[in-house]
Protein backbone atom coordinates (compact mmCIF):
# COMPACT_ATOMS: atom_id res chain seq x y z
CA MET A 1 10.58 13.14 26.70
CA THR A 2 9.56 9.72 25.40
CA SER A 3 11.27 6.98 27.37
CA ALA A 4 13.68 4.46 25.86
CA PRO A 5 11.17 1.56 26.24
CA ARG A 6 8.68 3.46 24.06
CA ILE A 7 11.38 4.01 21.43
CA ALA A 8 12.23 0.30 21.56
CA GLU A 9 8.55 -0.55 21.11
CA HIS A 10 8.46 1.72 18.05
CA GLN A 11 11.52 -0.05 16.70
CA ASP A 12 10.02 -3.49 17.32
CA ALA A 13 6.81 -2.52 15.51
CA TYR A 14 8.78 -1.44 12.43
CA ARG A 15 10.85 -4.60 12.48
CA THR A 16 7.78 -6.82 12.81
CA TYR A 17 5.33 -5.14 10.42
CA GLY A 18 7.26 -2.48 8.51
CA PRO A 19 6.28 1.19 8.33
CA PRO A 20 2.54 1.91 8.60
CA PRO A 21 0.80 3.23 5.47
CA SER A 22 1.07 6.94 4.71
CA ASN A 23 -2.49 7.70 5.86
CA PHE A 24 -1.77 6.58 9.43
CA TYR A 25 -0.82 8.78 12.34
CA MET A 26 1.63 7.08 14.69
CA SER A 27 2.80 8.19 18.09
CA ARG A 28 4.79 6.95 21.06
CA THR A 29 2.84 7.47 24.26
CA THR A 30 3.49 6.69 27.89
CA THR A 31 1.29 3.60 27.55
CA GLY A 32 2.65 2.35 24.23
CA MET A 33 2.38 2.92 20.48
CA ILE A 34 -0.86 4.20 18.98
CA TYR A 35 -2.06 4.32 15.37
CA ALA A 36 -4.93 6.30 13.84
CA ASP A 37 -6.25 6.50 10.28
CA HIS A 38 -6.05 10.15 9.22
CA SER A 39 -7.57 9.63 5.76
CA SER A 40 -10.62 11.72 6.56
CA SER A 41 -9.80 13.35 9.89
CA THR A 42 -6.62 14.34 11.69
CA VAL A 43 -8.39 14.85 15.01
CA VAL A 44 -7.90 11.34 16.39
CA THR A 45 -4.61 11.21 18.30
CA THR A 46 -5.45 9.18 21.43
CA LYS A 47 -7.08 5.86 22.30
CA ARG A 48 -9.95 7.71 23.93
CA GLN A 49 -10.65 9.34 20.55
CA GLY A 50 -10.54 6.01 18.72
CA ALA A 51 -6.85 5.37 18.03
CA SER A 52 -5.59 1.77 18.25
CA SER A 53 -2.55 0.15 19.80
CA ASN A 54 -2.48 -2.35 16.91
CA HIS A 55 -0.22 -1.72 13.92
CA PRO A 56 -2.50 -1.61 10.82
CA TYR A 57 -0.53 -4.45 9.16
CA SER A 58 -0.71 -6.71 12.23
CA ILE A 59 -3.20 -9.57 12.44
CA ALA A 60 -5.14 -7.72 15.11
CA GLY A 61 -5.01 -4.50 13.10
CA GLN A 62 -6.32 -6.21 9.98
CA ALA A 63 -9.05 -7.92 12.00
CA ALA A 64 -10.37 -4.60 13.30
CA HIS A 65 -13.79 -3.41 12.24
CA PRO A 66 -13.91 -1.41 10.14
CA ARG A 67 -10.81 -2.84 8.53
CA PRO A 68 -8.12 -0.15 8.30
CA GLY A 69 -7.78 1.57 4.97
CA ILE A 70 -4.37 1.31 3.32
CA ALA A 71 -3.40 4.37 1.29
CA GLY A 72 -0.74 4.30 -1.39
CA GLU A 73 2.62 5.93 -0.88
CA LYS A 74 2.92 9.58 -1.76
CA PRO A 75 4.01 9.81 -5.42
CA HIS A 76 7.76 9.77 -5.87
CA THR A 77 8.45 12.39 -8.51
CA ARG A 78 10.59 10.75 -11.15
CA VAL A 79 11.94 12.17 -14.35
CA SER A 80 13.51 9.75 -16.77
CA THR A 81 17.28 9.74 -17.10
CA MET A 82 18.32 9.28 -20.72
CA GLY A 83 19.31 5.68 -21.33
CA LEU A 84 18.23 4.44 -17.88
CA PHE A 85 15.02 2.88 -16.62
CA PRO A 86 13.45 2.30 -13.18
CA PRO A 87 13.39 -1.10 -11.44
CA PRO A 88 10.67 -3.53 -12.56
CA VAL A 89 8.88 -3.55 -9.22
CA GLU A 90 6.78 -0.94 -7.44
CA TYR A 91 6.18 -0.98 -3.70
CA VAL A 92 2.50 -1.25 -2.82
CA PRO A 93 1.66 -0.70 0.88
CA GLY A 94 0.21 -3.79 2.51
CA SER A 95 1.28 -6.06 -0.36
CA THR A 96 4.28 -7.66 1.32
CA ARG A 97 5.45 -8.74 4.75
CA TRP A 98 8.65 -7.12 5.98
CA ARG A 99 10.99 -9.91 7.11
CA TRP A 100 13.53 -8.29 9.43
CA HIS A 101 16.98 -9.88 9.66
CA GLN A 102 18.68 -9.31 12.98
CA ASP A 103 22.08 -10.27 11.55
CA GLY A 104 21.94 -7.48 8.99
CA TRP A 105 22.49 -7.25 5.25
CA SER A 106 24.10 -10.66 4.70
CA SER A 107 21.19 -12.49 6.30
CA ALA A 108 18.63 -10.53 4.26
CA PHE A 109 20.73 -11.15 1.13
CA ALA A 110 20.81 -14.90 1.81
CA ALA A 111 16.99 -14.93 2.16
CA ALA A 112 16.57 -13.03 -1.12
CA ALA A 113 19.01 -15.37 -2.88
CA ALA A 114 17.05 -18.37 -1.56
CA GLN A 115 14.00 -16.99 -3.37
CA LYS A 116 16.07 -17.36 -6.55
CA GLY A 117 16.97 -20.97 -5.73
CA ILE A 118 20.45 -20.17 -4.37
CA THR A 119 21.16 -21.70 -0.96
CA GLN A 120 23.79 -19.83 1.06
CA THR A 121 24.07 -18.83 4.70
CA ALA A 122 24.68 -15.30 5.91
CA ASP A 123 28.24 -16.33 6.86
CA GLN A 124 28.84 -17.63 3.33
CA ILE A 125 27.56 -14.35 1.88
CA GLN A 126 29.93 -12.40 4.13
CA GLN A 127 32.79 -14.72 3.15
CA CYS A 128 31.94 -14.09 -0.47
CA TYR A 129 32.52 -10.38 0.08
CA ASP A 130 35.73 -11.07 2.00
CA ASP A 131 36.97 -13.05 -1.01
CA LEU A 132 36.12 -10.16 -3.35
CA THR A 133 38.32 -7.84 -1.30
CA THR A 134 41.33 -9.78 -2.58
CA HIS A 135 40.54 -8.71 -6.16
CA PRO A 136 41.59 -5.08 -6.69
CA ASP A 137 39.90 -4.91 -10.10
CA ILE A 138 36.54 -5.78 -8.55
CA MET A 139 37.00 -3.60 -5.47
CA ALA A 140 37.72 -0.66 -7.78
CA LYS A 141 34.07 -0.99 -8.91
CA LYS A 142 32.68 -0.66 -5.39
CA SER A 143 30.80 2.61 -5.30
CA ALA A 144 28.82 4.65 -2.77
CA LEU A 145 27.11 6.49 -5.64
CA LEU A 146 23.59 5.43 -6.54
CA TYR A 147 23.25 4.18 -10.12
CA ASP A 148 20.49 6.51 -11.29
CA PRO A 149 21.16 10.26 -10.81
CA ILE A 150 17.50 10.93 -10.00
CA ASP A 151 17.86 8.83 -6.82
CA ARG A 152 20.96 10.55 -5.48
CA ASP A 153 19.06 12.78 -3.07
CA THR A 154 18.16 9.68 -1.03
CA ALA A 155 20.28 7.92 1.59
CA VAL A 156 22.82 5.22 0.83
CA PHE A 157 22.70 2.80 3.72
CA ARG A 158 25.61 1.34 5.61
CA ASP A 159 26.70 -1.93 3.92
CA GLU A 160 24.59 -1.16 0.82
CA SER A 161 27.61 -0.80 -1.48
CA THR A 162 28.92 -4.10 -0.08
CA ALA A 163 25.64 -5.87 -0.83
CA SER A 164 25.60 -4.32 -4.30
CA LEU A 165 29.10 -5.58 -5.05
CA VAL A 166 28.27 -9.11 -3.89
CA ALA A 167 25.13 -9.09 -6.03
CA ARG A 168 27.10 -8.20 -9.16
CA TYR A 169 30.32 -10.16 -8.66
CA GLY A 170 29.71 -12.72 -5.92
CA SER A 171 28.78 -15.45 -8.38
CA PRO A 172 29.89 -15.20 -12.04
CA GLU A 173 27.20 -17.75 -12.99
CA THR A 174 24.34 -15.85 -11.34
CA PRO A 175 25.01 -12.09 -11.22
CA PHE A 176 22.25 -9.84 -9.96
CA SER A 177 21.36 -6.18 -10.07
CA LEU A 178 20.37 -4.92 -6.61
CA VAL A 179 17.08 -3.12 -5.96
CA ILE A 180 16.42 -1.44 -2.62
CA ILE A 181 12.91 -0.61 -1.37
CA CYS A 182 13.29 2.25 1.11
CA PRO A 183 11.90 5.64 2.24
CA PRO A 184 11.12 8.46 1.79
CA PRO A 185 8.53 7.94 0.38
CA ILE A 186 8.86 4.16 0.30
CA TYR A 187 9.73 3.23 -3.27
CA ALA A 188 12.01 0.91 -5.25
CA ARG A 189 15.33 2.22 -6.59
CA TRP A 190 18.50 0.79 -8.04
CA SER A 191 21.40 0.45 -5.62
CA THR A 192 24.97 1.74 -5.98
CA GLY A 193 27.39 1.17 -8.83
CA GLU A 194 26.48 -0.36 -12.17
CA GLN A 195 22.95 -1.74 -12.15
CA ALA A 196 20.01 -2.59 -14.44
CA ILE A 197 21.95 -5.26 -16.35
CA HIS A 198 21.13 -8.53 -14.64
CA GLU A 199 18.14 -10.16 -13.00
CA PRO A 200 17.05 -7.98 -10.05
CA LEU A 201 17.49 -9.08 -6.45
CA VAL A 202 15.29 -7.05 -4.07
CA LEU A 203 15.97 -6.04 -0.46
CA MET A 204 14.27 -3.54 1.83
CA CYS A 205 15.87 -1.02 4.19
CA ILE A 206 14.64 1.33 6.89
CA PRO A 207 16.94 3.71 8.78
CA LYS A 208 17.33 2.36 12.29
CA ILE A 209 15.18 3.92 14.98
CA GLU A 210 17.73 4.72 17.64
CA THR A 211 17.20 3.82 21.27
CA ARG A 212 20.35 5.75 22.16
CA THR A 213 20.60 9.51 22.50
CA GLY A 214 23.22 12.17 21.92
CA ARG A 215 26.31 11.46 19.85
CA GLU A 216 25.85 7.69 20.19
CA SER A 217 22.73 7.93 18.01
CA TYR A 218 24.60 9.48 15.06
CA ASN A 219 25.08 6.68 12.55
CA LYS A 220 23.89 5.52 9.14
CA ASP A 221 22.81 2.06 10.21
CA ALA A 222 19.73 0.49 8.67
CA ASP A 223 17.46 -2.41 9.46
CA TRP A 224 17.56 -4.91 6.58
CA PHE A 225 14.52 -6.84 5.40
CA SER A 226 13.74 -9.44 2.76
CA VAL A 227 10.58 -9.27 0.66
CA ASP A 228 7.74 -11.70 1.30
CA PRO A 229 4.87 -10.80 -1.07
CA ASN A 230 1.31 -11.49 0.01
CA PRO A 231 0.00 -14.50 -1.95
CA GLY A 232 -2.23 -13.63 -4.87
CA SER A 233 -1.35 -9.92 -4.88
CA ASP A 234 -0.39 -7.95 -7.99
CA PHE A 235 2.88 -7.22 -6.21
CA GLU A 236 3.59 -10.95 -5.97
CA ASN A 237 2.97 -11.33 -9.71
CA GLU A 238 5.42 -8.51 -10.48
CA PHE A 239 7.96 -9.88 -8.03
CA ASN A 240 7.80 -13.40 -9.49
CA LEU A 241 8.02 -12.16 -13.08
CA MET A 242 11.62 -11.07 -12.43
CA SER A 243 12.74 -14.69 -12.00
CA ARG A 244 10.07 -16.67 -13.85
CA ARG A 245 11.26 -19.62 -15.91
CA TRP A 246 10.20 -19.38 -19.55
CA SER A 247 9.74 -22.46 -21.71
CA GLU A 248 9.51 -22.41 -25.48
CA GLU A 249 5.83 -23.25 -25.08
CA ASP A 250 5.40 -20.19 -22.82
CA LEU A 251 6.94 -17.94 -25.48
CA VAL A 252 4.76 -19.37 -28.23
CA THR A 253 1.71 -18.76 -26.05
CA MET A 254 2.85 -15.20 -25.41
CA MET A 255 3.28 -14.61 -29.15
CA GLY A 256 -0.29 -15.71 -29.69
CA HIS A 257 -1.60 -13.43 -26.93
CA LEU A 258 0.36 -10.50 -28.39
CA SER A 259 -0.73 -11.25 -31.98
CA PHE A 260 2.97 -11.55 -32.79
CA PRO A 261 3.64 -13.76 -35.86
CA THR A 262 4.61 -17.17 -34.51
CA GLN A 263 6.38 -18.05 -37.77
CA LEU A 264 9.09 -15.53 -36.82
CA GLY A 265 10.11 -17.70 -33.87
CA SER A 266 10.82 -16.97 -30.21
CA ASP A 267 14.17 -15.25 -30.88
CA ALA A 268 12.34 -12.60 -32.90
CA LEU A 269 10.04 -12.01 -29.94
CA ARG A 270 13.01 -11.69 -27.58
CA TRP A 271 14.62 -9.22 -29.97
CA THR A 272 11.39 -7.20 -30.21
CA LEU A 273 10.97 -6.98 -26.43
CA VAL A 274 14.53 -5.71 -25.99
CA ARG A 275 14.22 -3.24 -28.87
CA LEU A 276 11.03 -1.72 -27.48
CA HIS A 277 12.44 -1.60 -23.97
CA ARG A 278 15.68 0.14 -24.97
CA CYS A 279 13.97 2.54 -27.40
CA ILE A 280 11.75 3.79 -24.58
CA ALA A 281 14.81 4.11 -22.34
CA MET A 282 16.36 6.29 -25.05
CA GLY A 283 13.35 8.59 -25.08
CA GLU A 284 10.90 7.13 -27.59
CA GLN A 285 7.39 8.03 -26.49
CA VAL A 286 5.10 4.99 -26.34
CA ASP A 287 2.15 5.10 -23.96
CA ASP A 288 2.19 2.35 -21.34
CA ASN A 289 -1.20 1.19 -22.61
CA ASP A 290 0.14 0.80 -26.17
CA LEU A 291 3.10 -1.54 -25.66
CA GLY A 292 1.19 -4.63 -26.79
CA CYS A 293 0.03 -2.77 -29.90
CA TRP A 294 3.65 -1.71 -30.62
CA ILE A 295 4.86 -5.32 -30.34
CA GLU A 296 2.11 -6.52 -32.69
CA GLN A 297 2.95 -3.87 -35.30
CA TYR A 298 6.68 -4.55 -35.04
CA GLY A 299 6.02 -8.25 -35.67
CA GLN A 300 4.17 -7.32 -38.86
CA TYR A 301 7.10 -5.10 -39.83
CA LEU A 302 9.56 -7.97 -39.36
CA LEU A 303 7.52 -10.08 -41.79
CA ARG A 304 8.10 -7.41 -44.44
CA ARG A 305 11.65 -6.35 -43.64
CA ASN A 306 13.06 -8.26 -46.64
CA ASP A 307 10.78 -6.46 -49.09
CA ASP A 308 12.40 -4.44 -51.86
CA PRO A 309 12.64 -1.69 -50.82
CA PRO A 310 12.50 -2.60 -47.12
CA PRO A 311 9.85 -0.66 -45.21
CA ALA A 312 10.60 1.80 -42.42
CA PHE A 313 8.96 1.04 -39.09
CA ARG A 314 6.53 3.70 -37.89
CA PHE A 315 4.34 2.91 -34.91
CA ASN A 316 0.71 3.93 -35.32
CA ALA A 317 -0.93 4.40 -31.91
CA ASN A 318 -4.33 4.84 -33.58
CA ARG A 319 -4.36 1.35 -35.08
CA SER A 320 -6.51 -1.17 -33.20
CA TYR A 321 -4.70 -3.81 -31.15
CA THR A 322 -5.91 -7.35 -31.83
CA GLY A 323 -3.92 -9.05 -29.05
CA ARG A 324 -5.23 -10.18 -25.67
CA LEU A 325 -2.20 -9.40 -23.50
CA ASN A 326 -1.55 -5.96 -22.07
CA VAL A 327 2.10 -5.32 -21.23
CA ARG A 328 3.35 -2.49 -19.02
CA TYR A 329 6.86 -1.06 -19.03
CA ARG A 330 7.65 -2.47 -15.57
CA GLN A 331 6.63 -5.92 -16.80
CA LEU A 332 8.70 -5.45 -19.93
CA THR A 333 11.71 -4.52 -17.78
CA ALA A 334 11.20 -7.61 -15.63
CA MET A 335 11.17 -9.84 -18.71
CA VAL A 336 14.21 -8.38 -20.48
CA LEU A 337 16.30 -8.50 -17.27
CA ASN A 338 15.29 -12.08 -16.52
CA ARG A 339 18.19 -14.32 -17.54
CA LYS A 340 15.79 -17.25 -17.86
CA LEU A 341 14.19 -15.63 -20.90
CA PHE A 342 17.46 -15.63 -22.85
CA PRO A 343 20.10 -18.19 -23.84
CA SER A 344 22.81 -15.74 -22.67
CA ASP A 345 22.92 -13.13 -19.87
CA PRO A 346 22.70 -10.40 -20.98
CA PRO A 347 21.84 -11.23 -24.61
CA SER A 348 24.25 -9.87 -27.22
CA PHE A 349 21.61 -7.69 -28.87
CA ALA A 350 20.83 -6.08 -25.49
CA ARG A 351 24.51 -5.26 -25.11
CA ARG A 352 24.46 -3.65 -28.57
CA TRP A 353 21.62 -1.39 -27.49
CA ASP A 354 23.42 -0.52 -24.28
CA ASP A 355 26.57 0.41 -26.23
CA ALA A 356 24.45 2.78 -28.33
CA ILE A 357 22.87 4.26 -25.20
CA GLN A 358 26.29 4.89 -23.63
CA ALA A 359 27.40 6.62 -26.83
CA LEU A 360 24.31 8.83 -26.74
CA ILE A 361 24.96 9.76 -23.10
CA ALA A 362 28.58 10.63 -23.95
CA TYR A 363 27.35 12.82 -26.81
CA ASN A 364 24.88 14.65 -24.57
CA LEU A 365 27.58 15.35 -21.97
CA GLU A 366 30.25 16.57 -24.41
CA GLN A 367 30.64 20.35 -24.71
CA ASP A 368 33.35 20.49 -27.36
CA ASN A 369 31.73 20.87 -30.80
CA GLU A 370 34.31 18.83 -32.72
CA LYS A 371 34.23 15.98 -30.24
CA SER A 372 30.43 16.15 -30.27
CA LYS A 373 30.42 15.50 -34.02
CA GLU A 374 32.62 12.44 -33.56
CA LEU A 375 30.47 11.12 -30.73
CA TRP A 376 27.29 11.67 -32.72
CA SER A 377 28.74 9.75 -35.63
CA SER A 378 29.76 6.94 -33.27
CA PHE A 379 26.28 6.87 -31.75
CA ARG A 380 24.59 6.66 -35.17
CA LYS A 381 26.80 3.72 -36.18
CA LEU A 382 26.13 1.87 -32.93
CA LEU A 383 22.41 2.58 -33.17
CA ASN A 384 22.31 1.27 -36.73
CA TYR A 385 24.12 -1.88 -35.60
CA ALA A 386 21.80 -2.35 -32.61
CA SER A 387 18.69 -1.85 -34.78
CA ARG A 388 19.42 -4.87 -36.97
CA PRO A 389 17.50 -8.01 -35.95
């Protein structure tokens, strides 16, 4: 049996460097932790065979020659849930440092809030939750159910629903939607309760590696981490896009790069981004490589929408794209959830789309034929209202 010190060493390695990449074999031995790259061979299991005592993300591990290969996480099979969309960030192994917070969720939350320019201590975050407990209407919205049904076969960590509630209601001026990066495999998911409305705040969780045995080890505790992206990485660019400040000059530049008519103004661009984002959430099929082309064509449509008769918009994926900016759906999600892109949070036209989406979900769930007709009629009216610029 592996001794408690070896288990503690395993725990310390996770807390310092995070989980090793999926291609690495890891084992507790009588002399310490060992790691071996099993990308091409699964034979190496000891130091004598070439395994290392250095975690592959550690300074010593990265300095090894040859430098350890970092494989991506095993694909997390996702099917889209009608009306919902995944978080605007994707975990990339080796792209971020895992900053463990010994004091738990409130300390990690305070660090993540500081990345958004909000200065609060862990004690203040905990006090914020304590204050929320005096509001029955808010506490009624505390949920242990993950927001997206496709994630509900994964664990909900202890204190996660508390962190989620503080994110949404802790500060009326700066509400957040909570994203958790966690295993298995390691991926980003929305937290509990109502999410995907406000600017995302990202935390990381790993189930605690227990040093105790027997019944004392049975708990749902997690180690909490804040995200610290590696400078210059694609992950850092995605992470920063969620809270980037947008000036009018930035939006005009973006319109030029998207070949979107600048004479329509920045509000038309905002409207177009939200419309595309919500249409895809509702099931419209637009290839991730064609989003820039869609935006360009919709801008041309808006120029002609006052024609008599007004044209119908039909996206043509075969038409050449003349813009210089490629937009992916994750990036689009990051932009439309970023309160700094809009005068209001969330913008009124985004709420109109969300009302239509909720009506469509209600229609899809209804089994009574007569009620289905009413719900379909309601959905069509809301969709027509949401579709007007």
